[in-house]
Amino acid sequence: MSFHWIVLLAAVAVEILATSALKVFVSAPLFLAFLPLVLIGLSFALLSLALRVIPMAVAYAVWEGLGIVGIAVIGHVMFAEHLTPGRLAALAMIVGGIVLLERGVGHEGAGHEEEEKRRLA
């Protein structure tokens, strides 16, 4: 797994943490309310690093899609939100869409990706 993919997965993890913090700190003192904003900023910064190599459509789909799936799991585990069969099917379709998008863009843009890596090196 390349450095940029690890950075993208870190951006996803930070986004999930930030969104979870929004729920936790909704009634917290004002100074704690800024923590989710800082985390969202960090997530965007990590996403921007990943975008240097990973195609934009793929990076954003992974970032947002896995974020949605992660938040659904966190909501279920930490906040007793229901994961109905319909919601599970929707989450599976999100993951399937990400995989299809990554495979399609990855094969079509392989030459461009190598050229971009050489340019950045």
N, C-alpha and C. Protein backbone atom coordinates (compact mmCIF):
# COMPACT_ATOMS: atom_id res chain seq x y z
N MET A 1 0.85 -1.17 0.00
CA MET A 1 0.00 0.00 0.00
C MET A 1 0.90 1.23 0.00
N SER A 2 0.61 2.18 -0.87
CA SER A 2 1.46 3.35 -1.00
C SER A 2 1.21 4.36 0.12
N PHE A 3 2.14 5.25 0.29
CA PHE A 3 2.06 6.30 1.30
C PHE A 3 0.77 7.10 1.16
N HIS A 4 0.40 7.45 -0.06
CA HIS A 4 -0.77 8.28 -0.28
C HIS A 4 -2.07 7.56 0.10
N TRP A 5 -2.12 6.24 -0.09
CA TRP A 5 -3.30 5.49 0.34
C TRP A 5 -3.38 5.42 1.87
N ILE A 6 -2.24 5.31 2.52
CA ILE A 6 -2.21 5.31 3.99
C ILE A 6 -2.68 6.67 4.50
N VAL A 7 -2.24 7.73 3.86
CA VAL A 7 -2.67 9.08 4.24
C VAL A 7 -4.18 9.23 4.03
N LEU A 8 -4.69 8.70 2.93
CA LEU A 8 -6.13 8.77 2.67
C LEU A 8 -6.91 8.02 3.73
N LEU A 9 -6.46 6.84 4.11
CA LEU A 9 -7.14 6.09 5.16
C LEU A 9 -7.06 6.81 6.50
N ALA A 10 -5.95 7.49 6.76
CA ALA A 10 -5.85 8.31 7.97
C ALA A 10 -6.85 9.46 7.93
N ALA A 11 -7.03 10.05 6.74
CA ALA A 11 -8.02 11.13 6.59
C ALA A 11 -9.42 10.62 6.89
N VAL A 12 -9.72 9.41 6.45
CA VAL A 12 -11.02 8.79 6.73
C VAL A 12 -11.18 8.60 8.24
N ALA A 13 -10.17 8.06 8.89
CA ALA A 13 -10.24 7.81 10.33
C ALA A 13 -10.45 9.11 11.10
N VAL A 14 -9.75 10.16 10.71
CA VAL A 14 -9.89 11.45 11.39
C VAL A 14 -11.28 12.04 11.12
N GLU A 15 -11.80 11.86 9.91
CA GLU A 15 -13.15 12.34 9.62
C GLU A 15 -14.19 11.62 10.48
N ILE A 16 -14.05 10.31 10.64
CA ILE A 16 -14.97 9.54 11.49
C ILE A 16 -14.87 10.03 12.93
N LEU A 17 -13.66 10.25 13.40
CA LEU A 17 -13.46 10.76 14.76
C LEU A 17 -14.10 12.14 14.92
N ALA A 18 -13.91 13.01 13.93
CA ALA A 18 -14.46 14.36 13.99
C ALA A 18 -15.98 14.35 14.02
N THR A 19 -16.59 13.54 13.18
CA THR A 19 -18.04 13.48 13.14
C THR A 19 -18.60 12.88 14.43
N SER A 20 -17.92 11.89 14.96
CA SER A 20 -18.33 11.32 16.25
C SER A 20 -18.21 12.36 17.35
N ALA A 21 -17.15 13.17 17.30
CA ALA A 21 -16.95 14.22 18.29
C ALA A 21 -18.07 15.27 18.20
N LEU A 22 -18.58 15.52 17.01
CA LEU A 22 -19.71 16.45 16.88
C LEU A 22 -20.89 15.98 17.72
N LYS A 23 -21.17 14.69 17.67
CA LYS A 23 -22.28 14.12 18.43
C LYS A 23 -22.00 14.17 19.93
N VAL A 24 -20.78 13.85 20.32
CA VAL A 24 -20.42 13.80 21.73
C VAL A 24 -20.41 15.20 22.35
N PHE A 25 -19.89 16.17 21.63
CA PHE A 25 -19.69 17.51 22.19
C PHE A 25 -20.83 18.47 21.91
N VAL A 26 -21.97 17.97 21.46
CA VAL A 26 -23.08 18.85 21.12
C VAL A 26 -23.54 19.68 22.32
N SER A 27 -23.44 19.13 23.52
CA SER A 27 -23.86 19.89 24.70
C SER A 27 -22.68 20.19 25.63
N ALA A 28 -21.49 20.11 25.10
CA ALA A 28 -20.27 20.35 25.88
C ALA A 28 -19.98 21.85 25.94
N PRO A 29 -19.06 22.24 26.81
CA PRO A 29 -18.65 23.65 26.86
C PRO A 29 -18.10 24.11 25.50
N LEU A 30 -18.19 25.40 25.26
CA LEU A 30 -17.84 25.96 23.96
C LEU A 30 -16.43 25.62 23.52
N PHE A 31 -15.46 25.63 24.43
CA PHE A 31 -14.08 25.36 24.02
C PHE A 31 -13.91 23.94 23.46
N LEU A 32 -14.72 22.99 23.93
CA LEU A 32 -14.66 21.63 23.39
C LEU A 32 -15.36 21.52 22.04
N ALA A 33 -16.25 22.43 21.75
CA ALA A 33 -16.97 22.40 20.47
C ALA A 33 -16.04 22.66 19.29
N PHE A 34 -14.88 23.24 19.55
CA PHE A 34 -13.94 23.52 18.47
C PHE A 34 -13.11 22.30 18.07
N LEU A 35 -13.06 21.29 18.93
CA LEU A 35 -12.28 20.09 18.61
C LEU A 35 -12.74 19.43 17.31
N PRO A 36 -14.04 19.22 17.09
CA PRO A 36 -14.45 18.62 15.81
C PRO A 36 -14.02 19.46 14.60
N LEU A 37 -14.05 20.78 14.73
CA LEU A 37 -13.62 21.64 13.62
C LEU A 37 -12.14 21.47 13.31
N VAL A 38 -11.34 21.35 14.35
CA VAL A 38 -9.90 21.13 14.16
C VAL A 38 -9.67 19.78 13.49
N LEU A 39 -10.39 18.77 13.93
CA LEU A 39 -10.25 17.44 13.34
C LEU A 39 -10.70 17.42 11.88
N ILE A 40 -11.78 18.11 11.56
CA ILE A 40 -12.22 18.19 10.15
C ILE A 40 -11.14 18.86 9.30
N GLY A 41 -10.53 19.92 9.84
CA GLY A 41 -9.44 20.57 9.12
C GLY A 41 -8.28 19.63 8.88
N LEU A 42 -7.93 18.84 9.89
CA LEU A 42 -6.85 17.86 9.73
C LEU A 42 -7.22 16.82 8.68
N SER A 43 -8.47 16.39 8.69
CA SER A 43 -8.92 15.41 7.70
C SER A 43 -8.80 15.97 6.29
N PHE A 44 -9.20 17.22 6.09
CA PHE A 44 -9.07 17.85 4.77
C PHE A 44 -7.61 17.99 4.37
N ALA A 45 -6.74 18.31 5.33
CA ALA A 45 -5.32 18.43 5.01
C ALA A 45 -4.75 17.09 4.56
N LEU A 46 -5.12 16.02 5.25
CA LEU A 46 -4.66 14.69 4.85
C LEU A 46 -5.23 14.30 3.48
N LEU A 47 -6.51 14.62 3.26
CA LEU A 47 -7.12 14.34 1.95
C LEU A 47 -6.36 15.08 0.84
N SER A 48 -5.98 16.32 1.10
CA SER A 48 -5.26 17.07 0.07
C SER A 48 -3.91 16.45 -0.26
N LEU A 49 -3.25 15.84 0.73
CA LEU A 49 -1.99 15.14 0.45
C LEU A 49 -2.24 13.91 -0.42
N ALA A 50 -3.30 13.18 -0.12
CA ALA A 50 -3.62 11.99 -0.91
C ALA A 50 -3.95 12.35 -2.35
N LEU A 51 -4.58 13.51 -2.54
CA LEU A 51 -4.98 13.94 -3.88
C LEU A 51 -3.79 14.23 -4.80
N ARG A 52 -2.60 14.30 -4.26
CA ARG A 52 -1.42 14.54 -5.09
C ARG A 52 -1.17 13.38 -6.05
N VAL A 53 -1.60 12.16 -5.66
CA VAL A 53 -1.35 10.98 -6.49
C VAL A 53 -2.64 10.24 -6.85
N ILE A 54 -3.53 10.11 -5.90
CA ILE A 54 -4.77 9.36 -6.13
C ILE A 54 -5.75 10.22 -6.92
N PRO A 55 -6.36 9.68 -7.96
CA PRO A 55 -7.33 10.46 -8.73
C PRO A 55 -8.44 11.02 -7.82
N MET A 56 -8.87 12.23 -8.13
CA MET A 56 -9.82 12.94 -7.28
C MET A 56 -11.12 12.17 -7.05
N ALA A 57 -11.69 11.60 -8.10
CA ALA A 57 -12.95 10.87 -7.95
C ALA A 57 -12.80 9.69 -7.00
N VAL A 58 -11.70 9.01 -7.09
CA VAL A 58 -11.45 7.85 -6.22
C VAL A 58 -11.19 8.31 -4.79
N ALA A 59 -10.31 9.28 -4.62
CA ALA A 59 -9.96 9.74 -3.27
C ALA A 59 -11.19 10.26 -2.54
N TYR A 60 -12.00 11.07 -3.20
CA TYR A 60 -13.17 11.63 -2.53
C TYR A 60 -14.19 10.54 -2.23
N ALA A 61 -14.39 9.61 -3.14
CA ALA A 61 -15.34 8.52 -2.90
C ALA A 61 -14.90 7.67 -1.72
N VAL A 62 -13.62 7.36 -1.64
CA VAL A 62 -13.10 6.58 -0.51
C VAL A 62 -13.25 7.36 0.78
N TRP A 63 -12.86 8.63 0.77
CA TRP A 63 -12.91 9.47 1.96
C TRP A 63 -14.34 9.60 2.49
N GLU A 64 -15.24 9.97 1.62
CA GLU A 64 -16.62 10.19 2.05
C GLU A 64 -17.37 8.88 2.27
N GLY A 65 -17.21 7.92 1.36
CA GLY A 65 -17.93 6.66 1.45
C GLY A 65 -17.54 5.85 2.67
N LEU A 66 -16.24 5.68 2.88
CA LEU A 66 -15.81 4.94 4.07
C LEU A 66 -16.14 5.72 5.34
N GLY A 67 -16.14 7.04 5.23
CA GLY A 67 -16.57 7.87 6.37
C GLY A 67 -18.01 7.59 6.73
N ILE A 68 -18.87 7.50 5.74
CA ILE A 68 -20.29 7.20 5.99
C ILE A 68 -20.44 5.83 6.64
N VAL A 69 -19.75 4.85 6.09
CA VAL A 69 -19.83 3.50 6.65
C VAL A 69 -19.28 3.49 8.08
N GLY A 70 -18.17 4.14 8.31
CA GLY A 70 -17.59 4.20 9.65
C GLY A 70 -18.50 4.89 10.65
N ILE A 71 -19.13 5.98 10.23
CA ILE A 71 -20.05 6.70 11.12
C ILE A 71 -21.27 5.84 11.43
N ALA A 72 -21.75 5.09 10.46
CA ALA A 72 -22.89 4.20 10.71
C ALA A 72 -22.53 3.16 11.76
N VAL A 73 -21.33 2.61 11.66
CA VAL A 73 -20.88 1.61 12.64
C VAL A 73 -20.70 2.24 14.02
N ILE A 74 -20.06 3.40 14.07
CA ILE A 74 -19.87 4.10 15.35
C ILE A 74 -21.23 4.47 15.95
N GLY A 75 -22.14 4.94 15.12
CA GLY A 75 -23.48 5.28 15.61
C GLY A 75 -24.18 4.08 16.21
N HIS A 76 -24.01 2.94 15.59
CA HIS A 76 -24.62 1.71 16.09
C HIS A 76 -23.98 1.27 17.42
N VAL A 77 -22.65 1.28 17.46
CA VAL A 77 -21.93 0.77 18.63
C VAL A 77 -21.99 1.73 19.81
N MET A 78 -21.76 3.02 19.55
CA MET A 78 -21.64 3.99 20.65
C MET A 78 -22.95 4.68 21.01
N PHE A 79 -23.83 4.85 20.05
CA PHE A 79 -25.01 5.66 20.29
C PHE A 79 -26.32 4.89 20.10
N ALA A 80 -26.22 3.57 20.00
CA ALA A 80 -27.39 2.68 19.88
C ALA A 80 -28.31 3.05 18.72
N GLU A 81 -27.72 3.55 17.64
CA GLU A 81 -28.51 3.82 16.44
C GLU A 81 -28.71 2.51 15.69
N HIS A 82 -29.87 2.35 15.10
CA HIS A 82 -30.22 1.08 14.48
C HIS A 82 -29.58 0.91 13.10
N LEU A 83 -29.09 -0.28 12.85
CA LEU A 83 -28.62 -0.67 11.52
C LEU A 83 -29.62 -1.70 10.99
N THR A 84 -30.60 -1.22 10.29
CA THR A 84 -31.63 -2.08 9.74
C THR A 84 -31.09 -2.81 8.51
N PRO A 85 -31.76 -3.86 8.06
CA PRO A 85 -31.31 -4.53 6.83
C PRO A 85 -31.22 -3.57 5.64
N GLY A 86 -32.14 -2.65 5.55
CA GLY A 86 -32.09 -1.67 4.45
C GLY A 86 -30.86 -0.78 4.54
N ARG A 87 -30.54 -0.33 5.75
CA ARG A 87 -29.35 0.50 5.93
C ARG A 87 -28.07 -0.29 5.64
N LEU A 88 -28.04 -1.54 6.09
CA LEU A 88 -26.88 -2.38 5.80
C LEU A 88 -26.70 -2.59 4.30
N ALA A 89 -27.81 -2.78 3.59
CA ALA A 89 -27.75 -2.93 2.13
C ALA A 89 -27.23 -1.65 1.49
N ALA A 90 -27.70 -0.50 1.98
CA ALA A 90 -27.23 0.77 1.44
C ALA A 90 -25.74 0.96 1.67
N LEU A 91 -25.27 0.61 2.86
CA LEU A 91 -23.84 0.72 3.16
C LEU A 91 -23.02 -0.22 2.28
N ALA A 92 -23.54 -1.42 2.04
CA ALA A 92 -22.85 -2.35 1.15
C ALA A 92 -22.78 -1.79 -0.27
N MET A 93 -23.83 -1.12 -0.71
CA MET A 93 -23.81 -0.52 -2.05
C MET A 93 -22.80 0.63 -2.12
N ILE A 94 -22.66 1.39 -1.04
CA ILE A 94 -21.65 2.45 -1.01
C ILE A 94 -20.27 1.85 -1.19
N VAL A 95 -19.97 0.82 -0.43
CA VAL A 95 -18.66 0.16 -0.54
C VAL A 95 -18.48 -0.42 -1.94
N GLY A 96 -19.52 -1.05 -2.48
CA GLY A 96 -19.44 -1.59 -3.83
C GLY A 96 -19.18 -0.50 -4.86
N GLY A 97 -19.83 0.63 -4.71
CA GLY A 97 -19.60 1.75 -5.62
C GLY A 97 -18.18 2.27 -5.56
N ILE A 98 -17.63 2.33 -4.36
CA ILE A 98 -16.24 2.78 -4.21
C ILE A 98 -15.30 1.82 -4.92
N VAL A 99 -15.51 0.53 -4.74
CA VAL A 99 -14.66 -0.48 -5.38
C VAL A 99 -14.77 -0.37 -6.90
N LEU A 100 -15.99 -0.25 -7.42
CA LEU A 100 -16.16 -0.13 -8.87
C LEU A 100 -15.50 1.13 -9.41
N LEU A 101 -15.65 2.23 -8.70
CA LEU A 101 -15.04 3.49 -9.14
C LEU A 101 -13.52 3.39 -9.14
N GLU A 102 -12.97 2.83 -8.08
CA GLU A 102 -11.51 2.70 -7.99
C GLU A 102 -10.97 1.81 -9.08
N ARG A 103 -11.62 0.72 -9.36
CA ARG A 103 -11.16 -0.20 -10.41
C ARG A 103 -11.24 0.45 -11.78
N GLY A 104 -12.32 1.17 -12.04
CA GLY A 104 -12.49 1.80 -13.35
C GLY A 104 -11.49 2.92 -13.58
N VAL A 105 -11.31 3.77 -12.59
CA VAL A 105 -10.38 4.89 -12.73
C VAL A 105 -8.95 4.38 -12.70
N GLY A 106 -8.68 3.38 -11.86
CA GLY A 106 -7.32 2.85 -11.74
C GLY A 106 -6.78 2.28 -13.04
N HIS A 107 -7.64 1.57 -13.81
CA HIS A 107 -7.17 0.97 -15.05
C HIS A 107 -7.07 1.99 -16.17
N GLU A 108 -8.02 2.90 -16.24
CA GLU A 108 -8.00 3.89 -17.32
C GLU A 108 -6.88 4.90 -17.13
N GLY A 109 -6.58 5.27 -15.88
CA GLY A 109 -5.63 6.34 -15.64
C GLY A 109 -4.26 5.85 -15.22
N ALA A 110 -3.94 4.59 -15.46
CA ALA A 110 -2.68 4.04 -14.98
C ALA A 110 -1.48 4.79 -15.56
N GLY A 111 -1.50 5.09 -16.82
CA GLY A 111 -0.39 5.82 -17.43
C GLY A 111 -0.28 7.22 -16.88
N HIS A 112 -1.41 7.87 -16.69
CA HIS A 112 -1.42 9.23 -16.15
C HIS A 112 -0.90 9.25 -14.72
N GLU A 113 -1.25 8.23 -13.93
CA GLU A 113 -0.83 8.16 -12.54
C GLU A 113 0.69 8.02 -12.46
N GLU A 114 1.27 7.19 -13.30
CA GLU A 114 2.73 7.05 -13.31
C GLU A 114 3.39 8.34 -13.73
N GLU A 115 2.82 9.03 -14.71
CA GLU A 115 3.36 10.30 -15.15
C GLU A 115 3.31 11.33 -14.03
N GLU A 116 2.20 11.34 -13.29
CA GLU A 116 2.03 12.26 -12.16
C GLU A 116 3.05 11.97 -11.06
N LYS A 117 3.31 10.71 -10.77
CA LYS A 117 4.30 10.34 -9.77
C LYS A 117 5.69 10.84 -10.16
N ARG A 118 6.03 10.67 -11.45
CA ARG A 118 7.33 11.14 -11.93
C ARG A 118 7.44 12.66 -11.81
N ARG A 119 6.35 13.35 -12.11
CA ARG A 119 6.35 14.81 -12.06
C ARG A 119 6.54 15.30 -10.64
N LEU A 120 5.92 14.62 -9.66
CA LEU A 120 6.02 15.04 -8.26
C LEU A 120 7.34 14.65 -7.61
N ALA A 121 8.03 13.66 -8.17
CA ALA A 121 9.27 13.18 -7.57
C ALA A 121 10.42 14.13 -7.75
